[in-house]
């Protein structure tokens, strides 16, 4: 492989132990378990969103129903670094089993919820398991396959996300309309049970010898990280929605979050085995990938949140057709990710990612130049191209950064990358929501916001000028997303090394340098 130093895969004890049993390579059932586990996490938000009217109609709580999503997101995000460290300490299998069990317990509890408060609490339980699923599945994918085969498994996992994005709303709508909304949670149980059985039966990790030293868990750091992340994400999610940004609750939450962040730094510097070790940010490669994928999370908000509104309000499409305009990027993303190995083997991980994010910036920048009102195929074509560009950007970075660390650091590294991407999405939702509402207020006057304006359009009471205002607001959001892509490009160009320091170990099992 040209462009990378020592491109030989590092320690993969899960692979060796899993494949050691006679008669068959046990990776197939384990990969199936990983895909099923990823499907549980990927389907969650999309399948729930379509059943919200039925849920609110039975349980009430319309004013707080957004916490069905925010509570889950909060729990997933703040637990990612904790599970990453635990998987490096105790192994992937116990963390994945506990996470899947928590997710299934939360799903069962959600199906029995008697009011909105109970459902939100049980969704948080689901999120506590979802954090383990997301991080550990990605880490195991790197454990099981050598460097040259890793794009194949990562492309399969990307395909799971793509299929879930397309199928989730349809499944949720059918279950809510023809069965009962509680089935959107109960359907997780058989899928999760099969995944759990496959993991327990086929995933075998070797016993780790620590020369008599008992593993030490930084529980104080874990609690501090959880509290800090919870407070800051709550401030970002609710700011500008439940209360104004400069209100007392917003200032109090951000102030508390900053104080807790200082506490996290203090606790982690003193811990023997910190949950968020300092080397995650001291190593150039990991720090650059963290920041770049944080920017990716930021820019992904523009199409995923605002494009459906644009398609319905400006193009006049039905909800199903509007969803298709968005979903086309899930078709090109996994294909591009699978093919990216042919690019980064020639020009390296960093240059491939630069190519992808540079193209994404230009595509996002082109969106505001679409004609008004335009045709549906125009934004759909841009989304198809955007998916291809982001597949070329994300996968090389994940594969590359996982290949720079050994087994004992890979869980923490993967979790830090996913944590930054999730945090970027949370920040993006807040920032771009404020941008969209600010443009609407400037165009229409007063304190107009996107939600109230789109409701007026649905009711047929809004003039044509309102549609143009929505188009301008979404255009501004896409310009902001292009800025986030440019930021990711700059971070990689300045901070990331031209050649990722890929480990050279176990040459007999891994790749050989070209």
Protein backbone atom coordinates (compact mmCIF):
# COMPACT_ATOMS: atom_id res chain seq x y z
CA UNK A 1 0.00 0.00 0.00
CA UNK A 2 1.48 3.30 -1.02
CA UNK A 3 1.05 6.39 1.08
CA UNK A 4 1.02 4.67 4.50
CA UNK A 5 3.89 3.49 6.66
CA UNK A 6 4.03 -0.17 7.66
CA UNK A 7 0.50 -1.07 6.53
CA UNK A 8 0.39 -4.35 8.42
CA UNK A 9 -2.47 -5.14 10.73
CA UNK A 10 -1.89 -5.22 14.46
CA UNK A 11 -3.01 -7.59 17.20
CA UNK A 12 -6.34 -9.29 16.54
CA UNK A 13 -6.89 -11.75 19.41
CA UNK A 14 -10.63 -11.92 18.78
CA UNK A 15 -9.95 -13.03 15.20
CA UNK A 16 -7.42 -15.68 16.19
CA UNK A 17 -9.52 -17.10 18.99
CA UNK A 18 -12.79 -16.98 17.05
CA UNK A 19 -11.29 -18.74 14.04
CA UNK A 20 -9.36 -21.31 16.05
CA UNK A 21 -12.23 -23.77 16.48
CA UNK A 22 -11.99 -26.59 13.94
CA UNK A 23 -14.37 -26.99 11.06
CA UNK A 24 -15.15 -23.43 10.06
CA UNK A 25 -14.17 -19.79 10.19
CA UNK A 26 -16.40 -18.43 12.93
CA UNK A 27 -16.28 -14.86 11.68
CA UNK A 28 -19.43 -15.24 9.57
CA UNK A 29 -21.84 -15.70 12.49
CA UNK A 30 -20.06 -12.98 14.46
CA UNK A 31 -20.38 -10.54 11.54
CA UNK A 32 -24.07 -11.41 11.33
CA UNK A 33 -24.37 -10.61 15.04
CA UNK A 34 -22.59 -7.29 14.52
CA UNK A 35 -24.91 -6.36 11.65
CA UNK A 36 -28.00 -7.26 13.68
CA UNK A 37 -26.69 -5.27 16.65
CA UNK A 38 -25.99 -2.30 14.42
CA UNK A 39 -29.49 -2.61 12.93
CA UNK A 40 -30.99 -2.25 16.41
CA UNK A 41 -29.21 1.08 16.90
CA UNK A 42 -29.71 2.28 13.31
CA UNK A 43 -33.44 1.55 13.16
CA UNK A 44 -34.19 3.16 16.48
CA UNK A 45 -34.77 6.83 15.69
CA UNK A 46 -36.23 6.37 12.21
CA UNK A 47 -38.75 3.73 13.27
CA UNK A 48 -39.89 5.74 16.30
CA UNK A 49 -40.31 9.06 14.48
CA UNK A 50 -43.21 7.91 12.32
CA UNK A 51 -45.19 6.65 15.34
CA UNK A 52 -45.00 9.90 17.35
CA UNK A 53 -48.62 10.97 16.57
CA UNK A 54 -49.98 7.64 17.84
CA UNK A 55 -47.74 7.72 20.91
CA UNK A 56 -48.75 11.28 21.81
CA UNK A 57 -52.38 10.47 21.11
CA UNK A 58 -52.37 7.65 23.68
CA UNK A 59 -49.90 8.88 26.30
CA UNK A 60 -50.14 12.66 25.96
CA UNK A 61 -47.10 14.79 26.71
CA UNK A 62 -46.89 16.64 23.40
CA UNK A 63 -44.79 19.43 24.96
CA UNK A 64 -41.98 17.01 25.92
CA UNK A 65 -42.17 14.31 23.22
CA UNK A 66 -38.93 15.58 21.63
CA UNK A 67 -37.14 14.00 24.59
CA UNK A 68 -38.00 10.61 23.11
CA UNK A 69 -35.12 11.38 20.75
CA UNK A 70 -33.04 13.79 22.82
CA UNK A 71 -32.95 11.47 25.85
CA UNK A 72 -31.81 8.54 23.74
CA UNK A 73 -29.18 10.65 21.95
CA UNK A 74 -27.89 12.01 25.25
CA UNK A 75 -27.47 8.52 26.75
CA UNK A 76 -25.74 7.15 23.64
CA UNK A 77 -23.33 10.06 23.35
CA UNK A 78 -22.17 10.34 26.94
CA UNK A 79 -21.67 6.58 27.37
CA UNK A 80 -19.54 6.06 24.24
CA UNK A 81 -16.19 6.91 25.87
CA UNK A 82 -17.07 4.87 28.97
CA UNK A 83 -17.87 1.74 26.97
CA UNK A 84 -14.78 2.24 24.82
CA UNK A 85 -12.51 2.18 27.85
CA UNK A 86 -14.38 -0.78 29.39
CA UNK A 87 -13.98 -2.79 26.18
CA UNK A 88 -10.23 -2.17 26.25
CA UNK A 89 -10.12 -3.23 29.91
CA UNK A 90 -12.42 -6.27 30.00
CA UNK A 91 -12.79 -7.21 26.33
CA UNK A 92 -15.38 -6.52 23.65
CA UNK A 93 -17.66 -9.47 24.30
CA UNK A 94 -18.85 -8.62 27.84
CA UNK A 95 -19.45 -4.98 26.88
CA UNK A 96 -21.43 -5.97 23.77
CA UNK A 97 -23.50 -8.53 25.71
CA UNK A 98 -24.29 -6.04 28.50
CA UNK A 99 -25.12 -3.31 25.97
CA UNK A 100 -27.44 -5.54 23.96
CA UNK A 101 -29.15 -6.73 27.15
CA UNK A 102 -29.67 -3.13 28.31
CA UNK A 103 -31.05 -2.14 24.92
CA UNK A 104 -33.49 -5.04 24.89
CA UNK A 105 -34.56 -4.37 28.49
CA UNK A 106 -35.18 -0.74 27.55
CA UNK A 107 -37.19 -1.82 24.50
CA UNK A 108 -39.38 -4.11 26.61
CA UNK A 109 -39.91 -1.37 29.17
CA UNK A 110 -40.79 1.15 26.42
CA UNK A 111 -43.49 -1.21 25.19
CA UNK A 112 -45.05 -1.19 28.67
CA UNK A 113 -44.86 2.58 29.23
CA UNK A 114 -47.97 4.07 30.85
CA UNK A 115 -47.21 7.76 30.27
CA UNK A 116 -44.77 9.98 28.40
CA UNK A 117 -42.44 10.44 31.39
CA UNK A 118 -42.05 6.68 31.76
CA UNK A 119 -41.46 6.25 28.02
CA UNK A 120 -38.74 8.93 28.04
CA UNK A 121 -37.04 7.28 31.03
CA UNK A 122 -37.12 3.89 29.31
CA UNK A 123 -35.75 5.44 26.12
CA UNK A 124 -32.77 6.61 28.15
CA UNK A 125 -32.28 3.00 29.29
CA UNK A 126 -32.29 2.03 25.61
CA UNK A 127 -29.68 4.69 24.94
CA UNK A 128 -27.44 3.33 27.69
CA UNK A 129 -27.35 0.08 25.73
CA UNK A 130 -27.15 1.81 22.35
CA UNK A 131 -23.85 3.47 23.27
CA UNK A 132 -22.31 0.03 23.84
CA UNK A 133 -23.72 -1.31 20.57
CA UNK A 134 -22.40 1.50 18.37
CA UNK A 135 -18.88 1.70 19.76
CA UNK A 136 -18.22 -2.00 20.34
CA UNK A 137 -19.54 -3.12 16.95
CA UNK A 138 -17.17 -0.73 15.15
CA UNK A 139 -14.26 -1.85 17.33
CA UNK A 140 -14.94 -5.55 16.80
CA UNK A 141 -15.10 -4.99 13.05
CA UNK A 142 -11.48 -3.81 13.22
CA UNK A 143 -10.49 -6.67 15.56
CA UNK A 144 -11.86 -9.38 13.30
CA UNK A 145 -10.42 -8.35 9.95
CA UNK A 146 -6.94 -7.41 8.75
CA UNK A 147 -6.38 -3.99 7.28
CA UNK A 148 -6.91 -4.96 3.65
CA UNK A 149 -10.28 -6.61 4.44
CA UNK A 150 -11.57 -3.96 6.81
CA UNK A 151 -13.34 -1.83 4.16
CA UNK A 152 -15.53 -4.83 3.31
CA UNK A 153 -16.91 -5.24 6.83
CA UNK A 154 -17.21 -1.48 7.31
CA UNK A 155 -19.15 -1.24 4.04
CA UNK A 156 -21.53 -3.91 5.31
CA UNK A 157 -22.13 -1.92 8.47
CA UNK A 158 -22.69 1.22 6.36
CA UNK A 159 -25.23 -0.74 4.33
CA UNK A 160 -27.08 -1.58 7.53
CA UNK A 161 -27.41 2.13 8.27
CA UNK A 162 -28.54 2.80 4.69
CA UNK A 163 -31.21 0.10 4.71
CA UNK A 164 -32.39 1.20 8.16
CA UNK A 165 -32.72 4.82 7.03
CA UNK A 166 -34.95 3.74 4.14
CA UNK A 167 -36.89 0.95 5.83
CA UNK A 168 -37.28 2.41 9.32
CA UNK A 169 -39.98 5.01 8.59
CA UNK A 170 -41.99 2.48 6.55
CA UNK A 171 -41.83 -0.20 9.23
CA UNK A 172 -42.72 2.27 11.96
CA UNK A 173 -45.65 3.63 9.95
CA UNK A 174 -47.05 0.18 9.19
CA UNK A 175 -46.78 -0.99 12.81
CA UNK A 176 -48.34 2.21 14.15
CA UNK A 177 -51.18 2.15 11.60
CA UNK A 178 -52.09 -1.54 11.51
CA UNK A 179 -50.89 -2.92 14.84
CA UNK A 180 -49.92 -0.77 17.80
CA UNK A 181 -47.10 1.69 18.41
CA UNK A 182 -45.77 -0.58 21.17
CA UNK A 183 -44.71 -3.08 18.50
CA UNK A 184 -42.02 -0.70 17.25
CA UNK A 185 -40.18 -1.55 20.48
CA UNK A 186 -41.20 -5.20 20.74
CA UNK A 187 -39.83 -5.91 17.26
CA UNK A 188 -36.35 -5.31 18.70
CA UNK A 189 -36.60 -8.35 20.97
CA UNK A 190 -36.27 -11.20 18.44
CA UNK A 191 -33.58 -9.35 16.47
CA UNK A 192 -31.60 -8.64 19.61
CA UNK A 193 -32.07 -12.17 20.95
CA UNK A 194 -30.57 -13.67 17.78
CA UNK A 195 -27.65 -11.20 17.91
CA UNK A 196 -27.00 -12.05 21.56
CA UNK A 197 -27.05 -15.78 20.91
CA UNK A 198 -24.60 -15.45 18.01
CA UNK A 199 -22.21 -13.35 20.09
CA UNK A 200 -22.30 -15.71 23.08
CA UNK A 201 -21.98 -18.80 20.90
CA UNK A 202 -19.39 -17.76 18.32
CA UNK A 203 -17.32 -14.83 19.62
CA UNK A 204 -14.36 -16.13 21.62
CA UNK A 205 -11.76 -13.79 23.04
CA UNK A 206 -8.63 -15.06 24.78
CA UNK A 207 -8.15 -14.58 28.48
CA UNK A 208 -5.98 -11.56 29.08
CA UNK A 209 -3.06 -12.05 31.41
CA UNK A 210 -2.20 -9.05 33.56
CA UNK A 211 0.57 -10.52 35.71
CA UNK A 212 -1.62 -10.55 38.82
CA UNK A 213 -2.72 -6.92 38.42
CA UNK A 214 -6.46 -6.48 38.90
CA UNK A 215 -8.11 -4.24 36.29
CA UNK A 216 -8.89 -0.80 37.68
CA UNK A 217 -11.95 1.09 36.46
CA UNK A 218 -12.08 4.85 36.71
CA UNK A 219 -15.65 5.04 38.00
CA UNK A 220 -15.19 8.61 39.25
CA UNK A 221 -14.10 9.66 35.77
CA UNK A 222 -16.99 7.78 34.18
CA UNK A 223 -19.48 9.56 36.44
CA UNK A 224 -17.87 12.94 35.75
CA UNK A 225 -17.91 12.35 31.97
CA UNK A 226 -21.55 11.24 32.12
CA UNK A 227 -22.60 14.28 34.18
CA UNK A 228 -20.63 16.77 32.07
CA UNK A 229 -21.87 15.36 28.77
CA UNK A 230 -25.44 15.13 30.00
CA UNK A 231 -25.56 18.75 31.14
CA UNK A 232 -23.89 20.19 28.02
CA UNK A 233 -25.95 18.13 25.58
CA UNK A 234 -29.15 19.08 27.42
CA UNK A 235 -28.14 22.74 27.10
CA UNK A 236 -27.52 22.30 23.35
CA UNK A 237 -30.68 20.32 22.68
CA UNK A 238 -33.05 22.54 24.66
CA UNK A 239 -31.41 25.91 24.00
CA UNK A 240 -33.47 27.98 21.60
CA UNK A 241 -36.34 25.46 21.88
CA UNK A 242 -37.51 25.12 25.47
CA UNK A 243 -35.95 28.44 26.47
CA UNK A 244 -34.00 31.29 24.78
CA UNK A 245 -30.24 30.91 24.40
CA UNK A 246 -29.48 33.81 26.75
CA UNK A 247 -32.07 32.85 29.37
CA UNK A 248 -31.25 31.88 32.94
CA UNK A 249 -31.73 28.10 32.40
CA UNK A 250 -29.43 28.13 29.35
CA UNK A 251 -26.70 30.13 31.08
CA UNK A 252 -26.96 27.96 34.21
CA UNK A 253 -26.63 24.73 32.22
CA UNK A 254 -23.66 25.91 30.18
CA UNK A 255 -21.97 27.26 33.30
CA UNK A 256 -22.52 23.97 35.11
CA UNK A 257 -21.29 22.04 32.09
CA UNK A 258 -18.05 24.05 31.92
CA UNK A 259 -17.46 23.53 35.64
CA UNK A 260 -18.02 19.79 35.20
CA UNK A 261 -15.65 19.79 32.21
CA UNK A 262 -12.93 21.24 34.45
CA UNK A 263 -13.75 18.52 37.00
CA UNK A 264 -13.39 15.85 34.28
CA UNK A 265 -9.91 17.14 33.40
CA UNK A 266 -8.90 17.16 37.08
CA UNK A 267 -10.23 13.65 37.76
CA UNK A 268 -8.81 12.13 34.58
CA UNK A 269 -5.33 13.57 35.13
CA UNK A 270 -5.18 11.82 38.51
CA UNK A 271 -6.71 8.51 37.42
CA UNK A 272 -4.48 5.48 36.88
CA UNK A 273 -6.67 4.24 33.99
CA UNK A 274 -8.65 7.29 32.84
CA UNK A 275 -11.86 6.91 30.85
CA UNK A 276 -10.67 9.60 28.42
CA UNK A 277 -6.87 9.28 28.40
CA UNK A 278 -4.78 12.26 27.40
CA UNK A 279 -3.14 10.42 24.50
CA UNK A 280 -6.44 10.57 22.58
CA UNK A 281 -5.75 14.27 22.03
CA UNK A 282 -1.95 14.28 22.20
CA UNK A 283 -1.52 12.00 19.17
CA UNK A 284 -1.85 14.04 15.99
CA UNK A 285 -3.60 11.37 13.97
CA UNK A 286 -6.32 10.62 16.51
CA UNK A 287 -6.89 14.28 17.39
CA UNK A 288 -7.20 15.24 13.71
CA UNK A 289 -9.65 12.42 12.96
CA UNK A 290 -11.71 13.31 16.04
CA UNK A 291 -12.04 16.93 14.95
CA UNK A 292 -12.68 16.04 11.31
CA UNK A 293 -15.46 13.59 12.16
CA UNK A 294 -16.91 16.11 14.60
CA UNK A 295 -17.22 18.45 11.62
CA UNK A 296 -18.80 15.58 9.66
CA UNK A 297 -21.47 15.22 12.35
CA UNK A 298 -22.05 18.96 12.13
CA UNK A 299 -22.56 19.05 8.35
CA UNK A 300 -24.74 15.91 8.28
CA UNK A 301 -27.47 17.84 10.11
CA UNK A 302 -28.14 20.05 7.07
CA UNK A 303 -29.50 17.33 4.76
CA UNK A 304 -30.86 14.93 7.36
CA UNK A 305 -32.89 17.53 9.28
CA UNK A 306 -33.64 20.33 6.82
CA UNK A 307 -33.85 18.68 3.39
CA UNK A 308 -37.20 16.91 4.07
CA UNK A 309 -38.72 20.26 5.09
CA UNK A 310 -37.34 21.86 1.93
CA UNK A 311 -38.68 19.05 -0.25
CA UNK A 312 -42.17 19.29 1.22
CA UNK A 313 -42.49 23.06 1.70
CA UNK A 314 -40.60 24.36 -1.35
CA UNK A 315 -40.86 21.54 -3.88
CA UNK A 316 -44.37 20.56 -2.78
CA UNK A 317 -43.58 16.85 -2.44
CA UNK A 318 -45.52 14.38 -0.34
CA UNK A 319 -43.74 13.08 2.81
CA UNK A 320 -42.83 9.76 1.15
CA UNK A 321 -41.34 11.46 -1.92
CA UNK A 322 -39.50 13.95 0.32
CA UNK A 323 -38.02 11.04 2.25
CA UNK A 324 -36.78 9.51 -1.00
CA UNK A 325 -34.95 12.73 -1.92
CA UNK A 326 -33.03 12.40 1.32
CA UNK A 327 -32.56 8.63 1.27
CA UNK A 328 -30.65 8.52 -2.04
CA UNK A 329 -27.45 9.44 -0.23
CA UNK A 330 -27.73 6.19 1.72
CA UNK A 331 -27.42 4.36 -1.61
CA UNK A 332 -24.14 5.95 -2.73
CA UNK A 333 -22.49 6.21 0.69
CA UNK A 334 -21.85 2.45 1.31
CA UNK A 335 -20.86 1.87 -2.31
CA UNK A 336 -18.32 4.68 -2.16
CA UNK A 337 -17.08 3.43 1.22
CA UNK A 338 -16.55 -0.08 -0.15
CA UNK A 339 -14.59 1.26 -3.12
CA UNK A 340 -12.53 3.73 -1.10
CA UNK A 341 -9.87 1.10 -0.38
CA UNK A 342 -8.78 1.25 -4.03
CA UNK A 343 -8.13 4.97 -3.56
CA UNK A 344 -6.41 5.04 -0.17
CA UNK A 345 -4.14 2.15 -1.10
CA UNK A 346 -2.72 4.42 -3.78
CA UNK A 347 -2.75 7.87 -2.21
CA UNK A 348 -3.11 7.21 1.53
CA UNK A 349 -5.80 7.66 4.16
CA UNK A 350 -5.44 11.41 4.62
CA UNK A 351 -5.40 12.33 0.94
CA UNK A 352 -8.42 10.13 0.23
CA UNK A 353 -10.34 11.82 3.04
CA UNK A 354 -9.27 15.24 1.75
CA UNK A 355 -10.58 14.31 -1.70
CA UNK A 356 -13.92 13.22 -0.25
CA UNK A 357 -14.51 16.18 2.06
CA UNK A 358 -13.34 18.64 -0.59
CA UNK A 359 -15.92 17.26 -3.02
CA UNK A 360 -18.57 17.35 -0.25
CA UNK A 361 -17.86 21.04 0.38
CA UNK A 362 -18.39 21.88 -3.30
CA UNK A 363 -21.62 19.83 -3.44
CA UNK A 364 -23.02 21.53 -0.33
CA UNK A 365 -22.00 24.91 -1.74
CA UNK A 366 -23.92 24.14 -4.95
CA UNK A 367 -27.24 23.61 -3.15
CA UNK A 368 -28.11 27.33 -2.72
CA UNK A 369 -27.67 27.78 -6.48
CA UNK A 370 -30.49 25.38 -7.35
CA UNK A 371 -33.33 27.10 -9.23
CA UNK A 372 -36.47 28.06 -7.33
CA UNK A 373 -38.65 26.08 -6.88
CA UNK A 374 -36.84 23.57 -9.08
CA UNK A 375 -37.41 19.86 -9.67
CA UNK A 376 -37.06 17.01 -7.20
CA UNK A 377 -34.28 15.33 -9.19
CA UNK A 378 -31.97 18.29 -8.65
CA UNK A 379 -31.53 18.03 -4.85
CA UNK A 380 -31.73 14.23 -5.20
CA UNK A 381 -28.75 14.27 -7.56
CA UNK A 382 -26.79 16.45 -5.16
CA UNK A 383 -27.59 14.05 -2.31
CA UNK A 384 -26.44 11.09 -4.39
CA UNK A 385 -23.12 12.86 -5.04
CA UNK A 386 -22.84 13.93 -1.40
CA UNK A 387 -23.23 10.35 -0.18
CA UNK A 388 -20.45 9.24 -2.52
CA UNK A 389 -18.17 12.02 -1.29
CA UNK A 390 -18.78 11.32 2.41
CA UNK A 391 -18.23 7.59 1.93
CA UNK A 392 -14.83 8.48 0.51
CA UNK A 393 -14.19 10.70 3.54
CA UNK A 394 -15.42 8.81 6.60
CA UNK A 395 -14.35 5.21 6.06
CA UNK A 396 -10.65 5.86 5.29
CA UNK A 397 -10.41 7.92 8.48
CA UNK A 398 -12.03 5.24 10.66
CA UNK A 399 -10.01 2.39 9.14
CA UNK A 400 -6.85 4.47 9.26
CA UNK A 401 -7.12 5.63 12.87
CA UNK A 402 -8.05 2.14 14.10
CA UNK A 403 -4.91 0.81 12.41
CA UNK A 404 -2.64 3.19 14.32
CA UNK A 405 -3.37 1.64 17.72
CA UNK A 406 -3.10 -1.81 19.28
CA UNK A 407 -5.93 -3.96 20.56
CA UNK A 408 -5.72 -2.50 24.08
CA UNK A 409 -6.32 1.06 22.78
CA UNK A 410 -8.67 0.44 19.88
CA UNK A 411 -11.91 0.57 21.85
CA UNK A 412 -11.03 3.92 23.39
CA UNK A 413 -9.91 5.31 20.04
CA UNK A 414 -13.04 4.19 18.20
CA UNK A 415 -15.29 5.50 20.96
CA UNK A 416 -13.58 8.91 20.89
CA UNK A 417 -14.16 9.16 17.13
CA UNK A 418 -17.84 8.23 17.42
CA UNK A 419 -18.28 10.51 20.44
CA UNK A 420 -16.96 13.48 18.48
CA UNK A 421 -19.23 12.70 15.53
CA UNK A 422 -22.30 12.43 17.81
CA UNK A 423 -21.35 15.65 19.59
CA UNK A 424 -20.97 17.37 16.23
CA UNK A 425 -24.50 16.33 15.28
CA UNK A 426 -25.87 17.72 18.53
CA UNK A 427 -24.07 21.03 18.06
CA UNK A 428 -25.15 21.13 14.40
CA UNK A 429 -28.82 20.69 15.25
CA UNK A 430 -28.62 23.67 17.62
CA UNK A 431 -26.48 25.93 15.45
CA UNK A 432 -28.27 25.29 12.17
CA UNK A 433 -31.67 25.52 13.85
CA UNK A 434 -30.70 28.97 15.10
CA UNK A 435 -29.46 29.95 11.62
CA UNK A 436 -32.66 28.78 9.93
CA UNK A 437 -34.90 30.55 12.44
CA UNK A 438 -32.81 33.72 12.19
CA UNK A 439 -33.15 33.84 8.40
CA UNK A 440 -36.89 33.22 8.63
CA UNK A 441 -37.30 36.00 11.18
CA UNK A 442 -35.34 38.38 8.94
CA UNK A 443 -37.36 37.47 5.83
CA UNK A 444 -40.81 37.35 7.43
CA UNK A 445 -40.40 39.69 10.38
CA UNK A 446 -41.13 38.91 14.00
CA UNK A 447 -40.08 35.76 15.82
CA UNK A 448 -40.91 33.27 13.07
CA UNK A 449 -39.41 29.79 13.38
CA UNK A 450 -39.23 26.87 11.00
CA UNK A 451 -41.73 24.68 12.84
CA UNK A 452 -44.51 27.27 12.97
CA UNK A 453 -43.96 28.30 9.35
CA UNK A 454 -44.08 24.74 8.01
CA UNK A 455 -47.27 24.08 9.99
CA UNK A 456 -48.83 27.11 8.34
CA UNK A 457 -47.79 25.79 4.94
CA UNK A 458 -49.33 22.40 5.70
CA UNK A 459 -52.57 24.12 6.62
CA UNK A 460 -52.54 26.03 3.33
CA UNK A 461 -52.54 29.44 5.06
CA UNK A 462 -49.07 30.67 4.12
CA UNK A 463 -48.31 32.86 1.06
CA UNK A 464 -45.69 32.19 -1.62
CA UNK A 465 -43.26 34.53 0.13
CA UNK A 466 -43.14 32.05 3.01
CA UNK A 467 -41.94 29.29 0.71
CA UNK A 468 -39.18 31.54 -0.54
CA UNK A 469 -38.23 32.35 3.04
CA UNK A 470 -37.95 28.64 3.83
CA UNK A 471 -35.80 28.14 0.74
CA UNK A 472 -33.50 30.97 1.87
CA UNK A 473 -33.29 29.50 5.38
CA UNK A 474 -32.32 26.05 4.10
CA UNK A 475 -29.83 27.60 1.67
CA UNK A 476 -28.18 29.37 4.63
CA UNK A 477 -27.99 26.08 6.50
CA UNK A 478 -26.30 24.40 3.54
CA UNK A 479 -23.77 27.23 3.35
CA UNK A 480 -23.02 26.60 7.01
CA UNK A 481 -22.62 22.88 6.25
CA UNK A 482 -20.19 23.74 3.46
CA UNK A 483 -18.25 25.77 6.01
CA UNK A 484 -18.13 22.71 8.32
CA UNK A 485 -16.78 20.63 5.42
CA UNK A 486 -14.13 23.28 4.75
CA UNK A 487 -13.21 23.16 8.45
CA UNK A 488 -12.76 19.37 8.27
CA UNK A 489 -10.58 19.81 5.17
CA UNK A 490 -8.42 22.38 6.96
CA UNK A 491 -8.07 20.21 10.09
CA UNK A 492 -6.85 17.23 8.06
CA UNK A 493 -4.53 19.35 5.95
CA UNK A 494 -2.88 21.05 8.93
CA UNK A 495 -3.05 18.50 11.78
CA UNK A 496 -3.17 15.03 10.23
CA UNK A 497 0.15 13.47 9.21
CA UNK A 498 0.51 12.82 5.49
CA UNK A 499 1.12 9.16 6.27
CA UNK A 500 -0.81 7.57 9.11
CA UNK A 501 1.56 5.70 11.51
CA UNK A 502 -0.04 2.28 10.92
CA UNK A 503 1.29 -0.38 13.29
CA UNK A 504 3.42 -3.20 12.00
CA UNK A 505 2.74 -6.37 13.97
CA UNK A 506 1.73 -9.98 13.35
CA UNK A 507 2.93 -9.81 9.78
CA UNK A 508 2.10 -13.45 9.20
CA UNK A 509 -1.57 -12.74 9.81
CA UNK A 510 -1.90 -9.31 8.28
CA UNK A 511 -1.11 -7.51 5.09
CA UNK A 512 2.31 -7.13 3.54
CA UNK A 513 3.55 -3.76 2.38
CA UNK A 514 3.38 -3.21 -1.32
